[in-house]
């Protein structure tokens, strides 16, 4: 029992540190990557509190249990907004004219994945208006050729470094542009999509590099801030989608929303965890579709496994003139603008 109690105390200390460490303002990949498994850490904290109180009730165990309760409360405060217990941020559409509707599928295909047919079948079943495929190389570009008949408007940027992208649209495009915002080998897409109603919508497709031990989060954070600032300047109907390599509850994600004013359909609905598809015990919301207050949400769904380490995600939106009055869109504070400036400077 002594050995078990000692081990549990060590685990308790590690879990507590892992909870509070991301509060430190740093770009260190090891620290920032601790934002991802908040749900898993919360579950581990709950189990460890119970186990420690059963095996040991000395002063150290009591102190650690109190610290873990505080850590659990902090983890819960991050996760709760992304459950049905919270209010929805993006309001739902009760009806929508066909000309005002736009649907999209976003999928990080996993470059080494060769189940091309499964992805093609999924896109055929879903039949979205636009498709964004990430981590695509020349092999994926060739395999997705059948999409060109149904999606006459395309932007293809295949790359072998896991940052290629393929974009297909049955809706007309204006000025589609591949950009390298902060890193010369990490592309992003900006284009205007024209809805059947004639309304123009700005679309950004992103896949910044992730933070992990040994690699700074600065490039990812800086790219998200740059796009958020751009969205705020343009002000019109906007969609930002992709594998952002950031979880819904991170401070960078919150900064992105505050600066851009975009809405997260996950809030008040669920995690819609898209990664990792093969490991149910290690999943978090990594792929995102944000949109401006000009839209209402028709539907959102995480789709079936297609052989990637990511699940596809689909969203259907309605462009509605009355939508802004229904939303309480995020806004940026002076601190947010200071943090944004620092994020850009950290990369440059």
Protein backbone atom coordinates (compact mmCIF):
# COMPACT_ATOMS: atom_id res chain seq x y z
CA UNK A 1 0.00 0.00 0.00
CA UNK A 2 2.91 2.36 0.74
CA UNK A 3 4.36 1.92 -2.74
CA UNK A 4 0.92 2.46 -4.30
CA UNK A 5 0.33 5.57 -2.23
CA UNK A 6 3.71 6.99 -3.22
CA UNK A 7 3.07 6.28 -6.88
CA UNK A 8 -0.36 7.90 -6.72
CA UNK A 9 1.12 11.00 -5.07
CA UNK A 10 3.67 11.27 -7.87
CA UNK A 11 0.93 10.93 -10.48
CA UNK A 12 -1.19 13.49 -8.64
CA UNK A 13 1.66 16.00 -8.69
CA UNK A 14 2.29 15.42 -12.41
CA UNK A 15 -1.39 15.80 -13.33
CA UNK A 16 -1.65 19.01 -11.33
CA UNK A 17 1.45 20.48 -12.94
CA UNK A 18 0.21 19.40 -16.40
CA UNK A 19 -3.05 21.27 -15.73
CA UNK A 20 -1.59 24.57 -14.61
CA UNK A 21 1.53 24.67 -16.80
CA UNK A 22 -0.34 25.83 -19.95
CA UNK A 23 -1.28 29.00 -18.03
CA UNK A 24 2.35 30.08 -18.37
CA UNK A 25 2.69 32.56 -21.29
CA UNK A 26 5.18 30.68 -23.44
CA UNK A 27 5.58 29.35 -26.97
CA UNK A 28 7.35 26.18 -25.86
CA UNK A 29 5.80 23.28 -27.74
CA UNK A 30 5.92 20.94 -24.74
CA UNK A 31 3.90 23.38 -22.65
CA UNK A 32 1.43 24.35 -25.37
CA UNK A 33 0.76 20.73 -26.33
CA UNK A 34 -0.65 20.20 -22.83
CA UNK A 35 -3.68 22.21 -24.00
CA UNK A 36 -4.76 19.25 -26.12
CA UNK A 37 -5.54 16.40 -23.64
CA UNK A 38 -7.59 18.42 -21.14
CA UNK A 39 -10.45 15.92 -21.13
CA UNK A 40 -8.07 13.00 -20.65
CA UNK A 41 -6.27 14.81 -17.82
CA UNK A 42 -9.62 15.62 -16.19
CA UNK A 43 -10.61 11.95 -16.23
CA UNK A 44 -7.22 10.97 -14.80
CA UNK A 45 -7.55 13.61 -12.08
CA UNK A 46 -10.95 12.28 -11.03
CA UNK A 47 -9.63 8.71 -10.79
CA UNK A 48 -6.49 9.77 -8.97
CA UNK A 49 -8.40 11.78 -6.35
CA UNK A 50 -10.55 8.77 -5.48
CA UNK A 51 -7.63 6.35 -5.46
CA UNK A 52 -5.44 8.61 -3.32
CA UNK A 53 -8.14 9.19 -0.71
CA UNK A 54 -8.71 5.44 -0.47
CA UNK A 55 -5.03 4.52 -0.09
CA UNK A 56 -3.72 7.42 1.97
CA UNK A 57 -5.12 10.21 4.13
CA UNK A 58 -1.98 11.82 5.45
CA UNK A 59 -1.32 15.55 5.10
CA UNK A 60 0.45 15.18 1.75
CA UNK A 61 -2.47 13.19 0.29
CA UNK A 62 -4.97 15.78 1.51
CA UNK A 63 -2.97 18.68 0.06
CA UNK A 64 -2.55 16.89 -3.25
CA UNK A 65 -6.25 16.05 -3.34
CA UNK A 66 -7.15 19.69 -2.83
CA UNK A 67 -4.70 20.70 -5.56
CA UNK A 68 -6.21 18.11 -7.90
CA UNK A 69 -9.72 19.38 -7.17
CA UNK A 70 -8.58 22.85 -8.18
CA UNK A 71 -6.97 21.39 -11.30
CA UNK A 72 -10.14 19.48 -12.10
CA UNK A 73 -12.19 22.66 -11.79
CA UNK A 74 -9.82 24.42 -14.17
CA UNK A 75 -10.00 21.61 -16.71
CA UNK A 76 -13.77 21.61 -16.42
CA UNK A 77 -13.95 25.35 -17.07
CA UNK A 78 -12.18 24.78 -20.39
CA UNK A 79 -14.28 21.79 -21.45
CA UNK A 80 -17.77 22.83 -20.25
CA UNK A 81 -18.43 25.44 -22.98
CA UNK A 82 -18.09 22.65 -25.55
CA UNK A 83 -20.85 20.51 -24.09
CA UNK A 84 -24.66 20.72 -24.38
CA UNK A 85 -24.65 22.11 -20.81
CA UNK A 86 -23.50 25.50 -22.16
CA UNK A 87 -25.33 28.00 -24.33
CA UNK A 88 -24.78 27.76 -28.07
CA UNK A 89 -22.59 30.44 -29.60
CA UNK A 90 -23.66 29.85 -33.22
CA UNK A 91 -27.44 29.87 -33.41
CA UNK A 92 -29.39 27.32 -35.46
CA UNK A 93 -31.36 28.02 -38.61
CA UNK A 94 -35.03 27.07 -38.53
CA UNK A 95 -35.28 27.08 -42.33
CA UNK A 96 -33.09 28.10 -45.23
CA UNK A 97 -33.62 28.87 -48.90
CA UNK A 98 -31.48 26.75 -51.21
CA UNK A 99 -29.76 29.80 -52.65
CA UNK A 100 -28.51 30.87 -49.23
CA UNK A 101 -27.16 27.50 -48.17
CA UNK A 102 -23.56 26.28 -48.32
CA UNK A 103 -22.17 22.96 -47.09
CA UNK A 104 -18.59 21.84 -46.71
CA UNK A 105 -16.52 18.82 -45.74
CA UNK A 106 -13.08 19.20 -44.17
CA UNK A 107 -10.69 16.27 -43.86
CA UNK A 108 -7.03 15.79 -43.04
CA UNK A 109 -6.57 12.66 -45.14
CA UNK A 110 -3.24 11.50 -43.59
CA UNK A 111 -0.70 11.66 -46.40
CA UNK A 112 0.32 8.00 -46.03
CA UNK A 113 -3.32 6.83 -46.17
CA UNK A 114 -4.07 4.97 -49.40
CA UNK A 115 -7.80 4.38 -48.90
CA UNK A 116 -8.60 6.86 -51.64
CA UNK A 117 -11.86 5.20 -52.59
CA UNK A 118 -13.27 5.51 -49.08
CA UNK A 119 -12.77 9.27 -49.16
CA UNK A 120 -14.31 9.53 -52.63
CA UNK A 121 -17.32 7.50 -51.49
CA UNK A 122 -17.80 9.70 -48.44
CA UNK A 123 -17.72 12.88 -50.52
CA UNK A 124 -20.21 11.36 -52.96
CA UNK A 125 -22.59 10.44 -50.12
CA UNK A 126 -22.33 13.82 -48.43
CA UNK A 127 -22.33 15.80 -51.69
CA UNK A 128 -21.15 19.05 -50.07
CA UNK A 129 -20.82 22.28 -52.02
CA UNK A 130 -17.13 22.58 -51.15
CA UNK A 131 -14.45 20.11 -50.08
CA UNK A 132 -11.16 20.89 -48.32
CA UNK A 133 -8.64 18.04 -48.14
CA UNK A 134 -5.43 18.51 -46.19
CA UNK A 135 -2.11 16.67 -45.97
CA UNK A 136 -2.42 15.81 -49.66
CA UNK A 137 0.45 14.95 -52.02
CA UNK A 138 0.56 14.19 -55.75
CA UNK A 139 -0.84 10.70 -55.12
CA UNK A 140 -3.93 12.18 -53.47
CA UNK A 141 -4.25 14.76 -56.22
CA UNK A 142 -4.31 12.02 -58.84
CA UNK A 143 -6.72 9.84 -56.84
CA UNK A 144 -9.18 12.72 -56.37
CA UNK A 145 -9.42 13.35 -60.13
CA UNK A 146 -13.02 11.98 -60.24
CA UNK A 147 -14.12 14.96 -58.14
CA UNK A 148 -13.31 17.38 -60.95
CA UNK A 149 -16.40 16.38 -62.93
CA UNK A 150 -18.74 17.29 -60.06
CA UNK A 151 -16.62 20.13 -58.70
CA UNK A 152 -15.53 22.19 -61.71
CA UNK A 153 -13.80 24.85 -59.59
CA UNK A 154 -10.66 23.72 -57.86
CA UNK A 155 -7.41 24.82 -56.20
CA UNK A 156 -4.76 22.14 -55.92
CA UNK A 157 -1.51 22.54 -53.99
CA UNK A 158 -0.10 19.02 -53.52
CA UNK A 159 3.06 18.77 -51.40
CA UNK A 160 5.12 15.93 -50.00
CA UNK A 161 5.73 17.53 -46.58
CA UNK A 162 2.23 16.73 -45.18
CA UNK A 163 1.04 20.32 -45.77
CA UNK A 164 -0.46 20.00 -49.23
CA UNK A 165 -4.11 20.94 -49.79
CA UNK A 166 -6.81 20.21 -52.34
CA UNK A 167 -9.94 22.36 -52.61
CA UNK A 168 -12.97 21.56 -54.76
CA UNK A 169 -16.12 23.63 -55.22
CA UNK A 170 -19.28 23.32 -57.25
CA UNK A 171 -19.87 27.01 -56.51
CA UNK A 172 -18.05 29.69 -58.54
CA UNK A 173 -14.77 31.04 -57.14
CA UNK A 174 -13.21 34.48 -57.42
CA UNK A 175 -9.50 35.20 -57.05
CA UNK A 176 -8.44 31.87 -55.49
CA UNK A 177 -4.97 32.32 -54.04
CA UNK A 178 -2.47 30.00 -52.38
CA UNK A 179 -0.45 31.90 -49.79
CA UNK A 180 2.53 31.13 -47.59
CA UNK A 181 1.81 33.43 -44.68
CA UNK A 182 4.68 32.72 -42.30
CA UNK A 183 6.47 29.58 -43.46
CA UNK A 184 7.60 29.02 -47.02
CA UNK A 185 6.50 25.38 -47.06
CA UNK A 186 3.10 25.73 -45.31
CA UNK A 187 0.39 26.90 -47.71
CA UNK A 188 -3.02 28.35 -46.97
CA UNK A 189 -5.93 29.16 -49.25
CA UNK A 190 -7.95 32.32 -49.60
CA UNK A 191 -10.78 32.61 -52.10
CA UNK A 192 -14.20 34.13 -52.60
CA UNK A 193 -17.09 31.70 -53.00
CA UNK A 194 -20.24 32.87 -54.76
CA UNK A 195 -23.45 31.41 -53.35
CA UNK A 196 -26.38 30.58 -55.68
CA UNK A 197 -28.05 33.76 -54.38
CA UNK A 198 -25.11 35.77 -55.72
CA UNK A 199 -23.74 36.54 -52.25
CA UNK A 200 -19.93 36.57 -52.00
CA UNK A 201 -18.32 34.68 -49.10
CA UNK A 202 -14.64 34.81 -48.18
CA UNK A 203 -13.14 31.40 -47.46
CA UNK A 204 -9.84 30.63 -45.73
CA UNK A 205 -8.43 27.09 -45.67
CA UNK A 206 -5.66 26.58 -43.12
CA UNK A 207 -3.30 23.89 -41.84
CA UNK A 208 -0.56 25.47 -39.69
CA UNK A 209 2.21 23.43 -38.08
CA UNK A 210 1.38 21.96 -34.67
CA UNK A 211 3.26 22.64 -31.44
CA UNK A 212 4.94 19.64 -29.86
CA UNK A 213 8.00 19.01 -27.68
CA UNK A 214 10.99 20.66 -29.33
CA UNK A 215 8.90 22.83 -31.66
CA UNK A 216 7.47 26.24 -30.80
CA UNK A 217 3.80 27.08 -31.17
CA UNK A 218 4.74 30.55 -32.49
CA UNK A 219 4.25 29.80 -36.25
CA UNK A 220 0.81 28.32 -35.65
CA UNK A 221 -0.23 31.10 -33.31
CA UNK A 222 1.10 33.78 -35.63
CA UNK A 223 -0.71 32.38 -38.68
CA UNK A 224 -4.02 32.20 -36.83
CA UNK A 225 -3.60 35.77 -35.61
CA UNK A 226 -2.78 37.02 -39.13
CA UNK A 227 -5.91 35.42 -40.57
CA UNK A 228 -8.04 36.66 -37.67
CA UNK A 229 -6.87 40.23 -38.27
CA UNK A 230 -7.62 39.91 -41.97
CA UNK A 231 -11.13 38.63 -41.27
CA UNK A 232 -11.73 41.55 -38.93
CA UNK A 233 -10.67 44.02 -41.65
CA UNK A 234 -12.84 42.53 -44.41
CA UNK A 235 -15.93 42.25 -42.17
CA UNK A 236 -18.10 40.42 -44.74
CA UNK A 237 -19.49 36.86 -44.69
CA UNK A 238 -16.52 34.61 -43.93
CA UNK A 239 -15.70 30.95 -43.31
CA UNK A 240 -12.39 29.73 -41.90
CA UNK A 241 -11.83 25.97 -41.97
CA UNK A 242 -9.12 23.38 -41.65
CA UNK A 243 -6.92 21.35 -39.37
CA UNK A 244 -5.75 24.22 -37.19
CA UNK A 245 -3.60 21.98 -34.99
CA UNK A 246 -5.20 23.71 -32.05
CA UNK A 247 -7.96 22.60 -29.73
CA UNK A 248 -11.22 24.46 -29.33
CA UNK A 249 -10.52 25.56 -25.75
CA UNK A 250 -6.96 26.90 -26.10
CA UNK A 251 -6.07 30.53 -25.43
CA UNK A 252 -4.84 30.85 -29.03
CA UNK A 253 -8.21 29.67 -30.30
CA UNK A 254 -9.97 32.14 -28.04
CA UNK A 255 -7.66 34.92 -29.23
CA UNK A 256 -8.42 33.95 -32.84
CA UNK A 257 -12.16 34.17 -32.22
CA UNK A 258 -11.96 37.44 -30.32
CA UNK A 259 -9.88 39.10 -33.03
CA UNK A 260 -11.92 37.75 -35.96
CA UNK A 261 -15.38 37.81 -34.40
CA UNK A 262 -16.03 34.35 -35.84
CA UNK A 263 -18.35 31.81 -34.23
CA UNK A 264 -17.58 28.25 -33.15
CA UNK A 265 -20.49 25.87 -33.76
CA UNK A 266 -19.07 23.42 -31.20
CA UNK A 267 -19.89 25.72 -28.31
CA UNK A 268 -23.02 24.47 -26.59
CA UNK A 269 -23.24 21.37 -28.82
CA UNK A 270 -20.35 19.01 -28.13
CA UNK A 271 -16.68 18.29 -28.65
CA UNK A 272 -16.95 16.73 -32.11
CA UNK A 273 -13.45 15.36 -31.48
CA UNK A 274 -11.78 14.72 -34.83
CA UNK A 275 -8.35 13.41 -33.77
CA UNK A 276 -7.17 10.68 -33.15
CA UNK A 277 -9.53 8.47 -35.17
CA UNK A 278 -7.83 5.20 -34.15
CA UNK A 279 -7.51 5.90 -30.42
CA UNK A 280 -10.82 6.66 -28.69
CA UNK A 281 -9.05 7.35 -25.40
CA UNK A 282 -6.91 10.11 -26.98
CA UNK A 283 -9.24 12.36 -28.93
CA UNK A 284 -9.70 16.11 -29.04
CA UNK A 285 -11.30 18.71 -31.37
CA UNK A 286 -8.49 19.57 -33.81
CA UNK A 287 -10.35 20.30 -37.07
CA UNK A 288 -12.48 23.41 -37.17
CA UNK A 289 -15.06 25.32 -39.19
CA UNK A 290 -15.57 28.87 -37.95
CA UNK A 291 -17.96 31.33 -39.57
CA UNK A 292 -19.05 34.92 -39.25
CA UNK A 293 -22.26 36.17 -37.68
CA UNK A 294 -23.81 36.43 -41.15
CA UNK A 295 -24.61 32.69 -41.02
CA UNK A 296 -26.86 30.40 -39.03
CA UNK A 297 -26.00 26.74 -38.47
CA UNK A 298 -28.11 24.21 -40.35
CA UNK A 299 -26.19 21.07 -39.39
CA UNK A 300 -22.84 19.87 -38.06
CA UNK A 301 -21.57 16.31 -37.95
CA UNK A 302 -18.40 14.32 -37.43
CA UNK A 303 -18.33 11.73 -40.19
CA UNK A 304 -17.15 8.12 -40.36
CA UNK A 305 -13.56 6.92 -40.28
CA UNK A 306 -11.93 6.97 -43.72
CA UNK A 307 -8.57 5.45 -42.81
CA UNK A 308 -6.97 8.70 -41.68
CA UNK A 309 -5.92 9.64 -38.16
CA UNK A 310 -8.55 12.41 -38.43
CA UNK A 311 -12.29 12.09 -38.78
CA UNK A 312 -13.92 14.22 -41.47
CA UNK A 313 -16.20 16.98 -40.27
CA UNK A 314 -19.07 18.59 -42.15
CA UNK A 315 -21.06 21.76 -41.59
CA UNK A 316 -24.02 23.23 -43.44
CA UNK A 317 -24.65 26.97 -43.12
CA UNK A 318 -27.39 29.41 -44.03
CA UNK A 319 -26.63 32.98 -45.06
CA UNK A 320 -29.42 34.93 -43.39
CA UNK A 321 -29.86 38.74 -43.23
CA UNK A 322 -31.25 38.51 -39.70
CA UNK A 323 -28.45 36.26 -38.41
CA UNK A 324 -26.24 38.99 -36.84
CA UNK A 325 -29.09 40.06 -34.57
CA UNK A 326 -29.30 36.53 -33.16
CA UNK A 327 -25.61 36.16 -32.36
CA UNK A 328 -23.41 37.57 -29.65
CA UNK A 329 -20.17 37.48 -31.61
CA UNK A 330 -16.80 37.53 -29.80
CA UNK A 331 -15.00 40.87 -29.57
CA UNK A 332 -11.37 41.76 -28.98
CA UNK A 333 -10.08 43.61 -25.92
CA UNK A 334 -7.00 45.83 -25.76
CA UNK A 335 -5.15 42.89 -24.22
CA UNK A 336 -6.16 40.70 -27.17
CA UNK A 337 -4.64 43.23 -29.57
CA UNK A 338 -1.45 43.33 -27.50
CA UNK A 339 -1.28 39.53 -27.46
CA UNK A 340 -1.83 39.47 -31.21
CA UNK A 341 1.04 41.88 -31.79
CA UNK A 342 3.30 39.76 -29.59
CA UNK A 343 2.28 36.61 -31.45
CA UNK A 344 3.32 38.11 -34.77
CA UNK A 345 6.57 39.47 -33.37
CA UNK A 346 7.43 36.08 -31.88
CA UNK A 347 7.57 34.60 -35.40
CA UNK A 348 9.25 37.46 -37.21
